[in-house]
PDB file of N, CA and C in Angstrom:
ATOM      1  N   MET A   1      13.995  -3.354 -19.988  1.00  0.00           N
ATOM      2  CA  MET A   1      12.857  -4.010 -19.521  1.00  0.00           C
ATOM      3  C   MET A   1      12.650  -4.347 -18.606  1.00  0.00           C
ATOM      4  N   LEU A   2      11.809  -3.644 -17.940  1.00  0.00           N
ATOM      5  CA  LEU A   2      11.410  -4.496 -16.198  1.00  0.00           C
ATOM      6  C   LEU A   2      11.570  -5.588 -15.754  1.00  0.00           C
ATOM      7  N   LEU A   3      11.875  -6.098 -14.104  1.00  0.00           N
ATOM      8  CA  LEU A   3      11.852  -6.926 -14.323  1.00  0.00           C
ATOM      9  C   LEU A   3      10.941  -8.378 -13.641  1.00  0.00           C
ATOM     10  N   LEU A   4       9.920  -7.562 -13.267  1.00  0.00           N
ATOM     11  CA  LEU A   4       8.699  -8.466 -12.669  1.00  0.00           C
ATOM     12  C   LEU A   4       9.206  -9.012 -11.444  1.00  0.00           C
ATOM     13  N   LYS A   5       9.540  -8.362 -11.414  1.00  0.00           N
ATOM     14  CA  LYS A   5       9.997  -9.478  -9.376  1.00  0.00           C
ATOM     15  C   LYS A   5       8.768 -10.000  -9.479  1.00  0.00           C
ATOM     16  N   PRO A   6       8.467 -11.256  -8.645  1.00  0.00           N
ATOM     17  CA  PRO A   6       7.755 -11.476  -8.291  1.00  0.00           C
ATOM     18  C   PRO A   6       7.087 -12.048  -7.025  1.00  0.00           C
ATOM     19  N   ASN A   7       7.328 -10.902  -6.348  1.00  0.00           N
ATOM     20  CA  ASN A   7       6.276 -10.881  -4.794  1.00  0.00           C
ATOM     21  C   ASN A   7       6.783  -9.885  -4.832  1.00  0.00           C
ATOM     22  N   CYS A   8       5.910  -8.835  -2.810  1.00  0.00           N
ATOM     23  CA  CYS A   8       5.309  -8.192  -2.580  1.00  0.00           C
ATOM     24  C   CYS A   8       6.846  -8.158  -1.528  1.00  0.00           C
ATOM     25  N   GLU A   9       7.610  -7.439  -1.793  1.00  0.00           N
ATOM     26  CA  GLU A   9       8.746  -6.823  -0.813  1.00  0.00           C
ATOM     27  C   GLU A   9       8.925  -6.824   1.242  1.00  0.00           C
ATOM     28  N   CYS A  10       7.157  -6.228   1.439  1.00  0.00           N
ATOM     29  CA  CYS A  10       6.852  -5.795   2.612  1.00  0.00           C
ATOM     30  C   CYS A  10       5.875  -7.233   3.164  1.00  0.00           C
ATOM     31  N   CYS A  11       4.991  -8.026   2.176  1.00  0.00           N
ATOM     32  CA  CYS A  11       4.551  -9.186   2.983  1.00  0.00           C
ATOM     33  C   CYS A  11       4.782 -10.077   2.509  1.00  0.00           C
ATOM     34  N   GLY A  12       5.766 -10.719   1.394  1.00  0.00           N
ATOM     35  CA  GLY A  12       6.138 -11.214   0.548  1.00  0.00           C
ATOM     36  C   GLY A  12       4.911 -11.831  -0.254  1.00  0.00           C
ATOM     37  N   ARG A  13       4.251 -11.494  -0.090  1.00  0.00           N
ATOM     38  CA  ARG A  13       2.859 -11.836  -1.013  1.00  0.00           C
ATOM     39  C   ARG A  13       3.466 -12.112  -2.677  1.00  0.00           C
ATOM     40  N   ASP A  14       3.198 -13.719  -3.156  1.00  0.00           N
ATOM     41  CA  ASP A  14       3.608 -14.146  -5.187  1.00  0.00           C
ATOM     42  C   ASP A  14       2.519 -12.872  -5.570  1.00  0.00           C
ATOM     43  N   LEU A  15       2.963 -11.903  -6.787  1.00  0.00           N
ATOM     44  CA  LEU A  15       3.195 -10.999  -7.738  1.00  0.00           C
ATOM     45  C   LEU A  15       3.110 -12.265  -9.324  1.00  0.00           C
ATOM     46  N   PRO A  16       2.673 -12.719  -9.670  1.00  0.00           N
ATOM     47  CA  PRO A  16       3.014 -13.512 -11.327  1.00  0.00           C
ATOM     48  C   PRO A  16       3.159 -11.828 -12.153  1.00  0.00           C
ATOM     49  N   PRO A  17       3.304 -13.070 -12.589  1.00  0.00           N
ATOM     50  CA  PRO A  17       3.946 -11.718 -14.035  1.00  0.00           C
ATOM     51  C   PRO A  17       2.946 -10.790 -14.453  1.00  0.00           C
ATOM     52  N   GLN A  18       1.994 -12.246 -14.524  1.00  0.00           N
ATOM     53  CA  GLN A  18      -0.004 -11.042 -14.646  1.00  0.00           C
ATOM     54  C   GLN A  18      -1.226 -10.488 -14.276  1.00  0.00           C
ATOM     55  N   SER A  19      -0.179 -10.067 -12.603  1.00  0.00           N
ATOM     56  CA  SER A  19      -0.557  -9.727 -11.894  1.00  0.00           C
ATOM     57  C   SER A  19      -1.371  -8.763 -12.413  1.00  0.00           C
ATOM     58  N   SER A  20      -3.261  -8.335 -12.059  1.00  0.00           N
ATOM     59  CA  SER A  20      -2.458  -6.584 -11.853  1.00  0.00           C
ATOM     60  C   SER A  20      -2.601  -6.051 -10.689  1.00  0.00           C
ATOM     61  N   ASP A  21      -2.656  -6.578  -9.670  1.00  0.00           N
ATOM     62  CA  ASP A  21      -2.108  -5.919  -8.055  1.00  0.00           C
ATOM     63  C   ASP A  21      -1.256  -5.822  -8.054  1.00  0.00           C
ATOM     64  N   ALA A  22       0.000  -5.746  -8.484  1.00  0.00           N
ATOM     65  CA  ALA A  22       0.872  -5.999  -8.439  1.00  0.00           C
ATOM     66  C   ALA A  22       1.734  -3.951  -8.568  1.00  0.00           C
ATOM     67  N   MET A  23       2.528  -3.337  -7.992  1.00  0.00           N
ATOM     68  CA  MET A  23       2.378  -1.693  -8.118  1.00  0.00           C
ATOM     69  C   MET A  23       4.172  -1.576  -7.853  1.00  0.00           C
ATOM     70  N   ILE A  24       4.170  -1.196  -8.838  1.00  0.00           N
ATOM     71  CA  ILE A  24       6.520  -0.728  -8.797  1.00  0.00           C
ATOM     72  C   ILE A  24       6.504   1.162  -8.440  1.00  0.00           C
ATOM     73  N   CYS A  25       7.954   1.284  -8.387  1.00  0.00           N
ATOM     74  CA  CYS A  25       8.205   2.970  -8.190  1.00  0.00           C
ATOM     75  C   CYS A  25       9.080   3.052  -9.587  1.00  0.00           C
ATOM     76  N   SER A  26       9.668   4.476  -9.013  1.00  0.00           N
ATOM     77  CA  SER A  26      10.907   4.008 -10.805  1.00  0.00           C
ATOM     78  C   SER A  26      11.777   2.405 -11.045  1.00  0.00           C
ATOM     79  N   PHE A  27      12.071   2.998 -10.100  1.00  0.00           N
ATOM     80  CA  PHE A  27      13.333   1.415  -9.513  1.00  0.00           C
ATOM     81  C   PHE A  27      13.075   0.770  -9.401  1.00  0.00           C
ATOM     82  N   GLU A  28      12.127   0.130 -10.193  1.00  0.00           N
ATOM     83  CA  GLU A  28      11.076  -0.957  -9.677  1.00  0.00           C
ATOM     84  C   GLU A  28      11.054  -1.523  -8.767  1.00  0.00           C
ATOM     85  N   CYS A  29      11.136  -0.944  -7.643  1.00  0.00           N
ATOM     86  CA  CYS A  29      10.779  -1.839  -6.953  1.00  0.00           C
ATOM     87  C   CYS A  29       9.303  -2.331  -6.773  1.00  0.00           C
ATOM     88  N   THR A  30       8.778  -3.549  -5.446  1.00  0.00           N
ATOM     89  CA  THR A  30       7.240  -4.071  -6.411  1.00  0.00           C
ATOM     90  C   THR A  30       6.960  -4.404  -4.441  1.00  0.00           C
ATOM     91  N   PHE A  31       5.847  -4.216  -4.593  1.00  0.00           N
ATOM     92  CA  PHE A  31       4.991  -4.352  -3.561  1.00  0.00           C
ATOM     93  C   PHE A  31       3.442  -4.814  -3.769  1.00  0.00           C
ATOM     94  N   CYS A  32       2.282  -5.318  -3.475  1.00  0.00           N
ATOM     95  CA  CYS A  32       0.937  -5.749  -4.034  1.00  0.00           C
ATOM     96  C   CYS A  32       0.224  -4.086  -3.469  1.00  0.00           C
ATOM     97  N   ARG A  33      -0.536  -4.694  -3.652  1.00  0.00           N
ATOM     98  CA  ARG A  33      -1.332  -3.352  -4.269  1.00  0.00           C
ATOM     99  C   ARG A  33      -1.867  -2.650  -2.224  1.00  0.00           C
ATOM    100  N   GLY A  34      -2.165  -4.334  -1.668  1.00  0.00           N
ATOM    101  CA  GLY A  34      -3.016  -4.345  -0.593  1.00  0.00           C
ATOM    102  C   GLY A  34      -1.772  -3.611   0.492  1.00  0.00           C
ATOM    103  N   CYS A  35      -0.946  -3.681   0.075  1.00  0.00           N
ATOM    104  CA  CYS A  35       0.236  -2.448   0.719  1.00  0.00           C
ATOM    105  C   CYS A  35       0.490  -1.252   0.711  1.00  0.00           C
ATOM    106  N   SER A  36       0.715  -1.683  -0.527  1.00  0.00           N
ATOM    107  CA  SER A  36       0.897   0.182  -1.881  1.00  0.00           C
ATOM    108  C   SER A  36      -0.375   1.180  -0.751  1.00  0.00           C
ATOM    109  N   ASP A  37      -2.013   0.590  -0.711  1.00  0.00           N
ATOM    110  CA  ASP A  37      -2.740   1.104   0.119  1.00  0.00           C
ATOM    111  C   ASP A  37      -2.678   1.184   1.189  1.00  0.00           C
ATOM    112  N   THR A  38      -2.669   0.442   2.052  1.00  0.00           N
ATOM    113  CA  THR A  38      -2.822   0.501   4.064  1.00  0.00           C
ATOM    114  C   THR A  38      -1.836   1.292   4.730  1.00  0.00           C
ATOM    115  N   ARG A  39      -0.855  -0.133   3.822  1.00  0.00           N
ATOM    116  CA  ARG A  39       1.186  -0.285   4.875  1.00  0.00           C
ATOM    117  C   ARG A  39       1.582   1.981   3.930  1.00  0.00           C
ATOM    118  N   LEU A  40       1.954   1.285   3.669  1.00  0.00           N
ATOM    119  CA  LEU A  40       2.665   2.676   2.244  1.00  0.00           C
ATOM    120  C   LEU A  40       2.043   4.021   1.832  1.00  0.00           C
ATOM    121  N   HIS A  41       0.867   3.816   1.909  1.00  0.00           N
ATOM    122  CA  HIS A  41       0.220   5.276   0.794  1.00  0.00           C
ATOM    123  C   HIS A  41       0.278   5.623  -0.496  1.00  0.00           C
ATOM    124  N   GLY A  42       0.600   4.162  -1.307  1.00  0.00           N
ATOM    125  CA  GLY A  42       1.502   5.010  -2.568  1.00  0.00           C
ATOM    126  C   GLY A  42       2.429   5.197  -2.954  1.00  0.00           C
ATOM    127  N   ARG A  43       3.318   5.594  -1.079  1.00  0.00           N
ATOM    128  CA  ARG A  43       4.162   5.720  -2.007  1.00  0.00           C
ATOM    129  C   ARG A  43       5.391   4.532  -1.601  1.00  0.00           C
ATOM    130  N   CYS A  44       7.158   4.603  -2.228  1.00  0.00           N
ATOM    131  CA  CYS A  44       7.722   3.417  -1.967  1.00  0.00           C
ATOM    132  C   CYS A  44       8.552   3.917  -0.610  1.00  0.00           C
ATOM    133  N   PRO A  45       9.048   3.274   0.479  1.00  0.00           N
ATOM    134  CA  PRO A  45       9.795   3.057   1.060  1.00  0.00           C
ATOM    135  C   PRO A  45      10.737   3.173   1.374  1.00  0.00           C
ATOM    136  N   ASN A  46      11.373   2.450   0.098  1.00  0.00           N
ATOM    137  CA  ASN A  46      13.082   2.535  -0.302  1.00  0.00           C
ATOM    138  C   ASN A  46      13.383   4.079  -1.305  1.00  0.00           C
ATOM    139  N   CYS A  47      12.754   4.789  -1.596  1.00  0.00           N
ATOM    140  CA  CYS A  47      13.443   5.851  -2.523  1.00  0.00           C
ATOM    141  C   CYS A  47      12.040   6.692  -1.870  1.00  0.00           C
ATOM    142  N   GLY A  48      11.413   7.284  -1.953  1.00  0.00           N
ATOM    143  CA  GLY A  48      10.073   7.549  -1.800  1.00  0.00           C
ATOM    144  C   GLY A  48       9.383   8.160  -2.775  1.00  0.00           C
ATOM    145  N   GLY A  49       9.412   7.472  -3.523  1.00  0.00           N
ATOM    146  CA  GLY A  49       8.809   7.628  -4.629  1.00  0.00           C
ATOM    147  C   GLY A  49       7.404   6.957  -4.342  1.00  0.00           C
ATOM    148  N   GLU A  50       6.245   7.502  -5.590  1.00  0.00           N
ATOM    149  CA  GLU A  50       5.386   7.241  -6.522  1.00  0.00           C
ATOM    150  C   GLU A  50       5.102   5.925  -7.099  1.00  0.00           C
ATOM    151  N   LEU A  51       3.829   4.422  -6.093  1.00  0.00           N
ATOM    152  CA  LEU A  51       4.167   3.883  -6.929  1.00  0.00           C
ATOM    153  C   LEU A  51       2.463   3.701  -7.991  1.00  0.00           C
ATOM    154  N   GLN A  52       3.046   2.952  -8.673  1.00  0.00           N
ATOM    155  CA  GLN A  52       2.104   2.828  -9.648  1.00  0.00           C
ATOM    156  C   GLN A  52       1.661   1.030 -10.423  1.00  0.00           C
ATOM    157  N   ARG A  53       0.355   0.813 -10.779  1.00  0.00           N
ATOM    158  CA  ARG A  53       0.493  -0.486 -11.264  1.00  0.00           C
ATOM    159  C   ARG A  53       1.212  -1.244 -12.342  1.00  0.00           C
ATOM    160  N   ARG A  54       2.134  -1.729 -12.158  1.00  0.00           N
ATOM    161  CA  ARG A  54       3.249  -2.698 -12.605  1.00  0.00           C
ATOM    162  C   ARG A  54       2.902  -3.239 -13.790  1.00  0.00           C
ATOM    163  N   PRO A  55       2.961  -3.269 -15.261  1.00  0.00           N
ATOM    164  CA  PRO A  55       1.912  -2.999 -16.343  1.00  0.00           C
ATOM    165  C   PRO A  55       2.242  -4.516 -16.631  1.00  0.00           C
ATOM    166  N   VAL A  56       1.624  -5.213 -17.312  1.00  0.00           N
ATOM    167  CA  VAL A  56       1.647  -7.209 -17.568  1.00  0.00           C
ATOM    168  C   VAL A  56       2.016  -6.580 -19.169  1.00  0.00           C
ATOM    169  N   ARG A  57       3.188  -8.323 -18.836  1.00  0.00           N
ATOM    170  CA  ARG A  57       3.449  -8.067 -19.917  1.00  0.00           C
ATOM    171  C   ARG A  57       3.331  -9.448 -21.986  1.00  0.00           C
ATOM    172  N   PRO A  58       3.029  -8.769 -22.781  1.00  0.00           N
ATOM    173  CA  PRO A  58       2.110  -9.578 -23.085  1.00  0.00           C
ATOM    174  C   PRO A  58       2.359 -12.029 -23.757  1.00  0.00           C
ATOM    175  N   ALA A  59       1.831 -12.225 -22.844  1.00  0.00           N
ATOM    176  CA  ALA A  59       2.288 -13.472 -22.501  1.00  0.00           C
ATOM    177  C   ALA A  59       3.420 -13.784 -24.074  1.00  0.00           C
ATOM    178  N   ASP A  60       2.951 -13.884 -25.514  1.00  0.00           N
ATOM    179  CA  ASP A  60       4.266 -14.276 -26.143  1.00  0.00           C
ATOM    180  C   ASP A  60       5.790 -13.405 -25.281  1.00  0.00           C
ATOM    181  N   LYS A  61       5.715 -12.878 -25.126  1.00  0.00           N
ATOM    182  CA  LYS A  61       6.695 -11.383 -24.839  1.00  0.00           C
ATOM    183  C   LYS A  61       7.723 -12.174 -23.458  1.00  0.00           C
ATOM    184  N   LEU A  62       7.026 -12.845 -23.378  1.00  0.00           N
ATOM    185  CA  LEU A  62       7.079 -13.431 -21.414  1.00  0.00           C
ATOM    186  C   LEU A  62       8.152 -14.526 -21.507  1.00  0.00           C
ATOM    187  N   ALA A  63       7.576 -15.375 -22.981  1.00  0.00           N
ATOM    188  CA  ALA A  63       7.961 -16.604 -22.550  1.00  0.00           C
ATOM    189  C   ALA A  63      10.029 -15.951 -23.451  1.00  0.00           C
ATOM    190  N   LYS A  64       9.976 -14.998 -24.570  1.00  0.00           N
ATOM    191  CA  LYS A  64      10.825 -14.599 -24.164  1.00  0.00           C
ATOM    192  C   LYS A  64      11.969 -13.873 -23.402  1.00  0.00           C
ATOM    193  N   HIS A  65      11.602 -13.295 -23.102  1.00  0.00           N
ATOM    194  CA  HIS A  65      11.461 -11.857 -22.062  1.00  0.00           C
ATOM    195  C   HIS A  65      10.945 -12.415 -20.378  1.00  0.00           C
ATOM    196  N   PRO A  66      11.654 -13.985 -19.429  1.00  0.00           N
ATOM    197  CA  PRO A  66      10.799 -14.413 -18.950  1.00  0.00           C
ATOM    198  C   PRO A  66      11.133 -12.856 -17.268  1.00  0.00           C
ATOM    199  N   ALA A  67      10.626 -13.149 -16.486  1.00  0.00           N
ATOM    200  CA  ALA A  67       9.782 -12.461 -15.267  1.00  0.00           C
ATOM    201  C   ALA A  67      11.137 -12.648 -14.400  1.00  0.00           C
ATOM    202  N   SER A  68      11.366 -12.245 -13.672  1.00  0.00           N
ATOM    203  CA  SER A  68      12.482 -12.518 -12.446  1.00  0.00           C
ATOM    204  C   SER A  68      12.062 -12.952 -11.252  1.00  0.00           C
ATOM    205  N   THR A  69      13.077 -14.232 -11.291  1.00  0.00           N
ATOM    206  CA  THR A  69      13.239 -15.180  -9.742  1.00  0.00           C
ATOM    207  C   THR A  69      13.309 -14.738  -9.159  1.00  0.00           C
ATOM    208  N   GLN A  70      14.485 -13.889  -8.339  1.00  0.00           N
ATOM    209  CA  GLN A  70      14.081 -13.524  -7.920  1.00  0.00           C
ATOM    210  C   GLN A  70      13.919 -12.153  -6.465  1.00  0.00           C
ATOM    211  N   ARG A  71      13.752 -13.341  -5.119  1.00  0.00           N
ATOM    212  CA  ARG A  71      12.508 -13.012  -4.417  1.00  0.00           C
ATOM    213  C   ARG A  71      13.534 -11.279  -3.447  1.00  0.00           C
ATOM    214  N   VAL A  72      12.456  -9.996  -2.832  1.00  0.00           N
ATOM    215  CA  VAL A  72      13.300  -9.350  -1.932  1.00  0.00           C
ATOM    216  C   VAL A  72      12.124  -9.026  -1.514  1.00  0.00           C
ATOM    217  N   TYR A  73      12.888  -9.270  -0.001  1.00  0.00           N
ATOM    218  CA  TYR A  73      11.434  -9.967   0.862  1.00  0.00           C
ATOM    219  C   TYR A  73      11.728  -8.301   2.704  1.00  0.00           C
ATOM    220  N   ASN A  74      11.421  -6.793   2.414  1.00  0.00           N
ATOM    221  CA  ASN A  74      11.990  -7.160   4.010  1.00  0.00           C
ATOM    222  C   ASN A  74      10.752  -6.264   4.261  1.00  0.00           C
ATOM    223  N   PRO A  75      10.750  -6.741   5.325  1.00  0.00           N
ATOM    224  CA  PRO A  75       8.867  -6.499   6.204  1.00  0.00           C
ATOM    225  C   PRO A  75      10.159  -5.988   6.840  1.00  0.00           C
ATOM    226  N   ARG A  76      10.762  -5.402   7.542  1.00  0.00           N
ATOM    227  CA  ARG A  76      10.724  -4.449   8.715  1.00  0.00           C
ATOM    228  C   ARG A  76      11.079  -2.576   8.185  1.00  0.00           C
ATOM    229  N   GLY A  77      11.470  -3.004   6.919  1.00  0.00           N
ATOM    230  CA  GLY A  77      11.342  -1.691   6.101  1.00  0.00           C
ATOM    231  C   GLY A  77       9.954  -0.638   5.300  1.00  0.00           C
ATOM    232  N   CYS A  78       8.947  -1.565   5.039  1.00  0.00           N
ATOM    233  CA  CYS A  78       8.113  -0.814   5.000  1.00  0.00           C
ATOM    234  C   CYS A  78       6.801  -0.419   6.376  1.00  0.00           C
ATOM    235  N   GLY A  79       6.928  -0.350   7.656  1.00  0.00           N
ATOM    236  CA  GLY A  79       6.387   0.327   8.948  1.00  0.00           C
ATOM    237  C   GLY A  79       5.495   1.494   7.570  1.00  0.00           C
ATOM    238  N   GLU A  80       6.804   2.022   7.378  1.00  0.00           N
ATOM    239  CA  GLU A  80       6.436   4.275   6.657  1.00  0.00           C
ATOM    240  C   GLU A  80       6.101   4.241   5.592  1.00  0.00           C
ATOM    241  N   ALA A  81       6.193   5.347   4.515  1.00  0.00           N
ATOM    242  CA  ALA A  81       6.915   5.325   3.283  1.00  0.00           C
ATOM    243  C   ALA A  81       8.453   6.292   4.182  1.00  0.00           C
ATOM    244  N   ALA A  82       8.925   6.615   3.139  1.00  0.00           N
ATOM    245  CA  ALA A  82      10.033   6.845   3.188  1.00  0.00           C
ATOM    246  C   ALA A  82       9.618   8.899   2.818  1.00  0.00           C
TER     247      ALA A  82
END
């Protein structure tokens, strides 16, 4: 099950579970669409994988399986994709 991390790892922007601007790689590294498009050019800086739109968990499922509250923030690692 996806963790649904709460923020962009590059800029720290909040990304609530229902956000359509959240982008993830296959390892669930999480970025906002702005950082993905302009800074990372669609590639995860951690693994080099492709960033795709994170799916939105339905509200009834979110209540039973809540999003993560653990924030990951590493702006120094987000200059260029790997």
